[in-house]
Amino acid sequence: MATRILTAILLLALAAPTLRADTQAHDNAKARLASARQTYDGMLKRWALDPAAPVDCDKISQWSRRWMEAERELAAAKEAKAAAIKSHLERMTTFESRIKELRQQGFAAAHEASAAEYFRLEAEQWLRQAQ
């Protein structure tokens, strides 16, 4: 009986650093998720104030991607990981549509439209691979 108790205590002691590391990784991913979402939303809000301002497609895509990556880290199930990619795809699809509208109005360059298309196509491929 005493051996079982000692074994259980030893196993718990050995697992404690792993549990702490897992908790720290989880907390870190949650904080990165919040930061990425806030940065992405802030960039879009700033852009909405001046739609004629140049758009950095790479930055917008990168912050959406960071948001997605943090969501995927927090997701346990394959379906939840795919849902994170789907959300990124939806953001990139909306972004591409907005860039196309601005292109038609003369406020976005051709390279901005092709970059937005690339990021949407990339997200589509990631979603296909995840399913």
N, C-alpha and C. Protein backbone atom coordinates (compact mmCIF):
# COMPACT_ATOMS: atom_id res chain seq x y z
N MET A 1 0.82 -1.19 0.00
CA MET A 1 0.00 0.00 0.00
C MET A 1 0.87 1.25 0.00
N ALA A 2 1.87 1.28 0.85
CA ALA A 2 2.77 2.43 0.93
C ALA A 2 3.52 2.60 -0.38
N THR A 3 3.85 1.50 -1.03
CA THR A 3 4.55 1.57 -2.31
C THR A 3 3.68 2.23 -3.37
N ARG A 4 2.41 1.91 -3.37
CA ARG A 4 1.48 2.52 -4.33
C ARG A 4 1.37 4.02 -4.10
N ILE A 5 1.30 4.40 -2.86
CA ILE A 5 1.18 5.83 -2.53
C ILE A 5 2.45 6.56 -2.95
N LEU A 6 3.60 5.97 -2.64
CA LEU A 6 4.86 6.59 -3.04
C LEU A 6 4.99 6.67 -4.56
N THR A 7 4.56 5.63 -5.24
CA THR A 7 4.58 5.64 -6.71
C THR A 7 3.68 6.74 -7.25
N ALA A 8 2.50 6.87 -6.70
CA ALA A 8 1.56 7.91 -7.14
C ALA A 8 2.14 9.30 -6.90
N ILE A 9 2.75 9.51 -5.75
CA ILE A 9 3.36 10.81 -5.44
C ILE A 9 4.50 11.10 -6.40
N LEU A 10 5.31 10.10 -6.67
CA LEU A 10 6.43 10.26 -7.60
C LEU A 10 5.93 10.61 -9.00
N LEU A 11 4.90 9.93 -9.46
CA LEU A 11 4.34 10.21 -10.79
C LEU A 11 3.77 11.62 -10.87
N LEU A 12 3.08 12.04 -9.83
CA LEU A 12 2.55 13.41 -9.80
C LEU A 12 3.68 14.44 -9.80
N ALA A 13 4.71 14.17 -9.05
CA ALA A 13 5.85 15.08 -8.99
C ALA A 13 6.53 15.19 -10.35
N LEU A 14 6.64 14.07 -11.04
CA LEU A 14 7.25 14.08 -12.37
C LEU A 14 6.36 14.77 -13.39
N ALA A 15 5.05 14.67 -13.24
CA ALA A 15 4.11 15.26 -14.19
C ALA A 15 3.92 16.75 -13.95
N ALA A 16 4.18 17.24 -12.76
CA ALA A 16 3.92 18.65 -12.42
C ALA A 16 4.60 19.63 -13.36
N PRO A 17 5.89 19.48 -13.69
CA PRO A 17 6.51 20.44 -14.63
C PRO A 17 5.84 20.42 -16.00
N THR A 18 5.43 19.25 -16.45
CA THR A 18 4.74 19.14 -17.74
C THR A 18 3.40 19.85 -17.69
N LEU A 19 2.68 19.66 -16.61
CA LEU A 19 1.38 20.33 -16.46
C LEU A 19 1.55 21.84 -16.43
N ARG A 20 2.59 22.32 -15.71
CA ARG A 20 2.85 23.75 -15.66
C ARG A 20 3.22 24.27 -17.04
N ALA A 21 4.03 23.53 -17.77
CA ALA A 21 4.43 23.94 -19.12
C ALA A 21 3.22 23.98 -20.05
N ASP A 22 2.34 22.97 -19.93
CA ASP A 22 1.12 22.96 -20.75
C ASP A 22 0.24 24.14 -20.43
N THR A 23 0.11 24.47 -19.15
CA THR A 23 -0.70 25.62 -18.75
C THR A 23 -0.09 26.91 -19.27
N GLN A 24 1.22 27.02 -19.18
CA GLN A 24 1.90 28.21 -19.68
C GLN A 24 1.73 28.34 -21.19
N ALA A 25 1.86 27.24 -21.91
CA ALA A 25 1.68 27.26 -23.37
C ALA A 25 0.26 27.65 -23.74
N HIS A 26 -0.71 27.11 -23.00
CA HIS A 26 -2.11 27.44 -23.25
C HIS A 26 -2.37 28.93 -22.98
N ASP A 27 -1.88 29.42 -21.86
CA ASP A 27 -2.06 30.84 -21.53
C ASP A 27 -1.37 31.74 -22.55
N ASN A 28 -0.20 31.31 -23.01
CA ASN A 28 0.52 32.07 -24.02
C ASN A 28 -0.26 32.12 -25.33
N ALA A 29 -0.81 30.99 -25.74
CA ALA A 29 -1.59 30.94 -26.98
C ALA A 29 -2.85 31.81 -26.87
N LYS A 30 -3.50 31.79 -25.70
CA LYS A 30 -4.68 32.64 -25.50
C LYS A 30 -4.31 34.12 -25.59
N ALA A 31 -3.18 34.49 -25.02
CA ALA A 31 -2.74 35.88 -25.08
C ALA A 31 -2.37 36.28 -26.51
N ARG A 32 -1.70 35.38 -27.23
CA ARG A 32 -1.36 35.66 -28.63
C ARG A 32 -2.61 35.77 -29.49
N LEU A 33 -3.60 34.93 -29.21
CA LEU A 33 -4.87 35.00 -29.93
C LEU A 33 -5.52 36.36 -29.74
N ALA A 34 -5.59 36.82 -28.50
CA ALA A 34 -6.20 38.12 -28.22
C ALA A 34 -5.42 39.25 -28.89
N SER A 35 -4.11 39.18 -28.84
CA SER A 35 -3.28 40.22 -29.47
C SER A 35 -3.44 40.23 -30.99
N ALA A 36 -3.44 39.05 -31.59
CA ALA A 36 -3.58 38.96 -33.05
C ALA A 36 -4.94 39.48 -33.49
N ARG A 37 -5.99 39.09 -32.77
CA ARG A 37 -7.34 39.55 -33.11
C ARG A 37 -7.42 41.07 -32.98
N GLN A 38 -6.89 41.60 -31.90
CA GLN A 38 -6.94 43.05 -31.67
C GLN A 38 -6.15 43.80 -32.75
N THR A 39 -5.00 43.28 -33.11
CA THR A 39 -4.19 43.93 -34.14
C THR A 39 -4.89 43.88 -35.49
N TYR A 40 -5.41 42.72 -35.85
CA TYR A 40 -6.13 42.58 -37.12
C TYR A 40 -7.33 43.54 -37.17
N ASP A 41 -8.14 43.51 -36.13
CA ASP A 41 -9.32 44.39 -36.09
C ASP A 41 -8.91 45.86 -36.12
N GLY A 42 -7.85 46.19 -35.41
CA GLY A 42 -7.38 47.58 -35.40
C GLY A 42 -6.92 48.04 -36.77
N MET A 43 -6.23 47.17 -37.50
CA MET A 43 -5.78 47.52 -38.84
C MET A 43 -6.98 47.77 -39.76
N LEU A 44 -8.01 46.93 -39.65
CA LEU A 44 -9.19 47.11 -40.50
C LEU A 44 -9.95 48.38 -40.13
N LYS A 45 -10.04 48.68 -38.84
CA LYS A 45 -10.71 49.91 -38.40
C LYS A 45 -9.98 51.14 -38.91
N ARG A 46 -8.66 51.10 -38.82
CA ARG A 46 -7.87 52.24 -39.31
C ARG A 46 -8.05 52.40 -40.81
N TRP A 47 -8.06 51.30 -41.52
CA TRP A 47 -8.24 51.32 -42.97
C TRP A 47 -9.63 51.85 -43.32
N ALA A 48 -10.65 51.50 -42.53
CA ALA A 48 -12.01 51.97 -42.78
C ALA A 48 -12.10 53.49 -42.66
N LEU A 49 -11.27 54.09 -41.83
CA LEU A 49 -11.28 55.54 -41.69
C LEU A 49 -10.77 56.23 -42.94
N ASP A 50 -9.88 55.56 -43.68
CA ASP A 50 -9.33 56.13 -44.91
C ASP A 50 -9.15 55.03 -45.94
N PRO A 51 -10.26 54.64 -46.61
CA PRO A 51 -10.19 53.55 -47.59
C PRO A 51 -9.24 53.81 -48.75
N ALA A 52 -8.93 55.09 -49.02
CA ALA A 52 -8.03 55.41 -50.12
C ALA A 52 -6.56 55.25 -49.72
N ALA A 53 -6.29 55.04 -48.45
CA ALA A 53 -4.91 54.87 -48.00
C ALA A 53 -4.35 53.56 -48.54
N PRO A 54 -3.05 53.51 -48.78
CA PRO A 54 -2.46 52.26 -49.26
C PRO A 54 -2.68 51.12 -48.25
N VAL A 55 -2.91 49.95 -48.77
CA VAL A 55 -3.18 48.79 -47.94
C VAL A 55 -1.97 47.87 -47.97
N ASP A 56 -1.56 47.42 -46.80
CA ASP A 56 -0.48 46.44 -46.73
C ASP A 56 -1.12 45.06 -46.61
N CYS A 57 -1.35 44.44 -47.76
CA CYS A 57 -2.01 43.13 -47.79
C CYS A 57 -1.26 42.09 -46.98
N ASP A 58 0.06 42.14 -47.03
CA ASP A 58 0.86 41.17 -46.28
C ASP A 58 0.60 41.28 -44.78
N LYS A 59 0.55 42.50 -44.28
CA LYS A 59 0.34 42.67 -42.84
C LYS A 59 -1.04 42.19 -42.43
N ILE A 60 -2.05 42.53 -43.20
CA ILE A 60 -3.40 42.12 -42.86
C ILE A 60 -3.50 40.60 -42.89
N SER A 61 -2.96 39.98 -43.93
CA SER A 61 -2.97 38.52 -44.02
C SER A 61 -2.18 37.90 -42.87
N GLN A 62 -1.03 38.47 -42.57
CA GLN A 62 -0.18 37.91 -41.53
C GLN A 62 -0.86 37.92 -40.16
N TRP A 63 -1.58 39.01 -39.84
CA TRP A 63 -2.25 39.07 -38.53
C TRP A 63 -3.45 38.13 -38.49
N SER A 64 -4.13 37.95 -39.62
CA SER A 64 -5.21 36.97 -39.67
C SER A 64 -4.63 35.56 -39.50
N ARG A 65 -3.48 35.34 -40.11
CA ARG A 65 -2.82 34.03 -40.01
C ARG A 65 -2.37 33.75 -38.58
N ARG A 66 -1.82 34.76 -37.93
CA ARG A 66 -1.40 34.58 -36.53
C ARG A 66 -2.60 34.27 -35.65
N TRP A 67 -3.71 34.93 -35.92
CA TRP A 67 -4.96 34.67 -35.21
C TRP A 67 -5.34 33.19 -35.39
N MET A 68 -5.31 32.74 -36.65
CA MET A 68 -5.64 31.35 -36.97
C MET A 68 -4.69 30.38 -36.27
N GLU A 69 -3.40 30.66 -36.30
CA GLU A 69 -2.42 29.76 -35.70
C GLU A 69 -2.64 29.63 -34.19
N ALA A 70 -2.96 30.73 -33.53
CA ALA A 70 -3.23 30.67 -32.09
C ALA A 70 -4.49 29.87 -31.81
N GLU A 71 -5.52 30.05 -32.64
CA GLU A 71 -6.74 29.26 -32.48
C GLU A 71 -6.46 27.78 -32.67
N ARG A 72 -5.64 27.46 -33.64
CA ARG A 72 -5.31 26.06 -33.90
C ARG A 72 -4.53 25.45 -32.74
N GLU A 73 -3.64 26.21 -32.14
CA GLU A 73 -2.90 25.72 -30.98
C GLU A 73 -3.83 25.41 -29.81
N LEU A 74 -4.87 26.23 -29.67
CA LEU A 74 -5.81 26.04 -28.56
C LEU A 74 -6.82 24.93 -28.83
N ALA A 75 -6.97 24.55 -30.08
CA ALA A 75 -7.97 23.54 -30.46
C ALA A 75 -7.41 22.14 -30.22
N ALA A 76 -8.25 21.30 -29.66
CA ALA A 76 -7.84 19.91 -29.43
C ALA A 76 -8.29 19.01 -30.57
N ALA A 77 -9.50 19.23 -31.05
CA ALA A 77 -10.09 18.36 -32.07
C ALA A 77 -9.71 18.84 -33.48
N LYS A 78 -9.64 17.88 -34.38
CA LYS A 78 -9.33 18.17 -35.79
C LYS A 78 -10.36 19.16 -36.36
N GLU A 79 -11.63 18.99 -35.98
CA GLU A 79 -12.69 19.86 -36.49
C GLU A 79 -12.49 21.30 -36.04
N ALA A 80 -12.04 21.47 -34.81
CA ALA A 80 -11.80 22.82 -34.28
C ALA A 80 -10.61 23.47 -34.97
N LYS A 81 -9.60 22.66 -35.28
CA LYS A 81 -8.45 23.19 -36.01
C LYS A 81 -8.87 23.63 -37.42
N ALA A 82 -9.73 22.83 -38.06
CA ALA A 82 -10.24 23.19 -39.38
C ALA A 82 -11.12 24.43 -39.30
N ALA A 83 -11.87 24.57 -38.23
CA ALA A 83 -12.73 25.75 -38.05
C ALA A 83 -11.88 27.02 -37.96
N ALA A 84 -10.72 26.93 -37.35
CA ALA A 84 -9.82 28.09 -37.27
C ALA A 84 -9.36 28.50 -38.67
N ILE A 85 -9.06 27.50 -39.49
CA ILE A 85 -8.64 27.79 -40.87
C ILE A 85 -9.82 28.38 -41.65
N LYS A 86 -11.01 27.83 -41.43
CA LYS A 86 -12.19 28.34 -42.12
C LYS A 86 -12.45 29.80 -41.76
N SER A 87 -12.25 30.15 -40.51
CA SER A 87 -12.42 31.55 -40.10
C SER A 87 -11.40 32.45 -40.79
N HIS A 88 -10.17 31.97 -40.90
CA HIS A 88 -9.14 32.72 -41.63
C HIS A 88 -9.55 32.88 -43.09
N LEU A 89 -10.03 31.80 -43.70
CA LEU A 89 -10.50 31.87 -45.08
C LEU A 89 -11.61 32.90 -45.23
N GLU A 90 -12.54 32.92 -44.31
CA GLU A 90 -13.63 33.90 -44.37
C GLU A 90 -13.09 35.33 -44.28
N ARG A 91 -12.11 35.55 -43.41
CA ARG A 91 -11.51 36.89 -43.32
C ARG A 91 -10.81 37.25 -44.62
N MET A 92 -10.10 36.30 -45.21
CA MET A 92 -9.38 36.58 -46.45
C MET A 92 -10.34 36.78 -47.63
N THR A 93 -11.45 36.05 -47.62
CA THR A 93 -12.46 36.22 -48.68
C THR A 93 -13.09 37.61 -48.58
N THR A 94 -13.42 38.03 -47.38
CA THR A 94 -13.99 39.36 -47.17
C THR A 94 -12.98 40.43 -47.58
N PHE A 95 -11.73 40.22 -47.19
CA PHE A 95 -10.67 41.18 -47.54
C PHE A 95 -10.51 41.28 -49.06
N GLU A 96 -10.49 40.14 -49.72
CA GLU A 96 -10.36 40.14 -51.18
C GLU A 96 -11.53 40.89 -51.83
N SER A 97 -12.73 40.65 -51.36
CA SER A 97 -13.90 41.34 -51.91
C SER A 97 -13.78 42.86 -51.76
N ARG A 98 -13.31 43.28 -50.58
CA ARG A 98 -13.16 44.72 -50.33
C ARG A 98 -12.09 45.32 -51.22
N ILE A 99 -10.99 44.60 -51.40
CA ILE A 99 -9.92 45.09 -52.28
C ILE A 99 -10.42 45.20 -53.72
N LYS A 100 -11.21 44.21 -54.16
CA LYS A 100 -11.75 44.26 -55.53
C LYS A 100 -12.66 45.47 -55.71
N GLU A 101 -13.48 45.76 -54.70
CA GLU A 101 -14.34 46.96 -54.76
C GLU A 101 -13.49 48.21 -54.88
N LEU A 102 -12.46 48.30 -54.06
CA LEU A 102 -11.58 49.48 -54.10
C LEU A 102 -10.84 49.55 -55.43
N ARG A 103 -10.49 48.42 -55.99
CA ARG A 103 -9.81 48.39 -57.30
C ARG A 103 -10.72 48.96 -58.37
N GLN A 104 -12.00 48.59 -58.33
CA GLN A 104 -12.96 49.10 -59.31
C GLN A 104 -13.17 50.61 -59.15
N GLN A 105 -13.02 51.10 -57.93
CA GLN A 105 -13.18 52.53 -57.66
C GLN A 105 -11.89 53.31 -57.90
N GLY A 106 -10.82 52.61 -58.21
CA GLY A 106 -9.54 53.25 -58.48
C GLY A 106 -8.71 53.52 -57.23
N PHE A 107 -9.08 52.91 -56.11
CA PHE A 107 -8.36 53.15 -54.86
C PHE A 107 -7.37 52.03 -54.49
N ALA A 108 -7.35 50.95 -55.24
CA ALA A 108 -6.42 49.85 -54.96
C ALA A 108 -5.69 49.50 -56.24
N ALA A 109 -4.45 49.12 -56.08
CA ALA A 109 -3.62 48.75 -57.23
C ALA A 109 -3.85 47.29 -57.61
N ALA A 110 -3.45 46.96 -58.83
CA ALA A 110 -3.61 45.59 -59.32
C ALA A 110 -2.85 44.60 -58.44
N HIS A 111 -1.66 44.99 -57.98
CA HIS A 111 -0.88 44.06 -57.14
C HIS A 111 -1.56 43.81 -55.80
N GLU A 112 -2.33 44.76 -55.30
CA GLU A 112 -3.07 44.55 -54.05
C GLU A 112 -4.19 43.53 -54.26
N ALA A 113 -4.86 43.62 -55.40
CA ALA A 113 -5.93 42.67 -55.71
C ALA A 113 -5.36 41.26 -55.89
N SER A 114 -4.24 41.15 -56.59
CA SER A 114 -3.66 39.82 -56.79
C SER A 114 -3.11 39.25 -55.47
N ALA A 115 -2.59 40.10 -54.61
CA ALA A 115 -2.12 39.63 -53.31
C ALA A 115 -3.28 39.12 -52.47
N ALA A 116 -4.38 39.86 -52.47
CA ALA A 116 -5.57 39.44 -51.71
C ALA A 116 -6.10 38.11 -52.26
N GLU A 117 -6.08 37.96 -53.57
CA GLU A 117 -6.51 36.69 -54.18
C GLU A 117 -5.59 35.55 -53.73
N TYR A 118 -4.29 35.79 -53.74
CA TYR A 118 -3.33 34.78 -53.32
C TYR A 118 -3.61 34.31 -51.90
N PHE A 119 -3.85 35.25 -50.99
CA PHE A 119 -4.07 34.89 -49.60
C PHE A 119 -5.37 34.10 -49.42
N ARG A 120 -6.38 34.42 -50.21
CA ARG A 120 -7.62 33.64 -50.16
C ARG A 120 -7.40 32.24 -50.68
N LEU A 121 -6.70 32.12 -51.81
CA LEU A 121 -6.40 30.80 -52.39
C LEU A 121 -5.55 29.96 -51.44
N GLU A 122 -4.60 30.58 -50.78
CA GLU A 122 -3.76 29.88 -49.82
C GLU A 122 -4.60 29.31 -48.68
N ALA A 123 -5.52 30.13 -48.16
CA ALA A 123 -6.40 29.69 -47.07
C ALA A 123 -7.31 28.55 -47.54
N GLU A 124 -7.79 28.62 -48.77
CA GLU A 124 -8.60 27.53 -49.31
C GLU A 124 -7.82 26.22 -49.33
N GLN A 125 -6.56 26.30 -49.74
CA GLN A 125 -5.72 25.10 -49.79
C GLN A 125 -5.48 24.54 -48.40
N TRP A 126 -5.20 25.40 -47.44
CA TRP A 126 -5.01 24.92 -46.06
C TRP A 126 -6.25 24.23 -45.54
N LEU A 127 -7.42 24.77 -45.88
CA LEU A 127 -8.66 24.15 -45.40
C LEU A 127 -8.85 22.78 -46.05
N ARG A 128 -8.58 22.67 -47.34
CA ARG A 128 -8.68 21.36 -48.01
C ARG A 128 -7.74 20.35 -47.36
N GLN A 129 -6.54 20.77 -47.04
CA GLN A 129 -5.57 19.86 -46.43
C GLN A 129 -5.98 19.46 -45.01
N ALA A 130 -6.68 20.32 -44.33
CA ALA A 130 -7.07 20.05 -42.93
C ALA A 130 -8.29 19.15 -42.82
N GLN A 131 -9.04 19.06 -43.90
CA GLN A 131 -10.29 18.28 -43.82
C GLN A 131 -10.08 16.83 -44.19
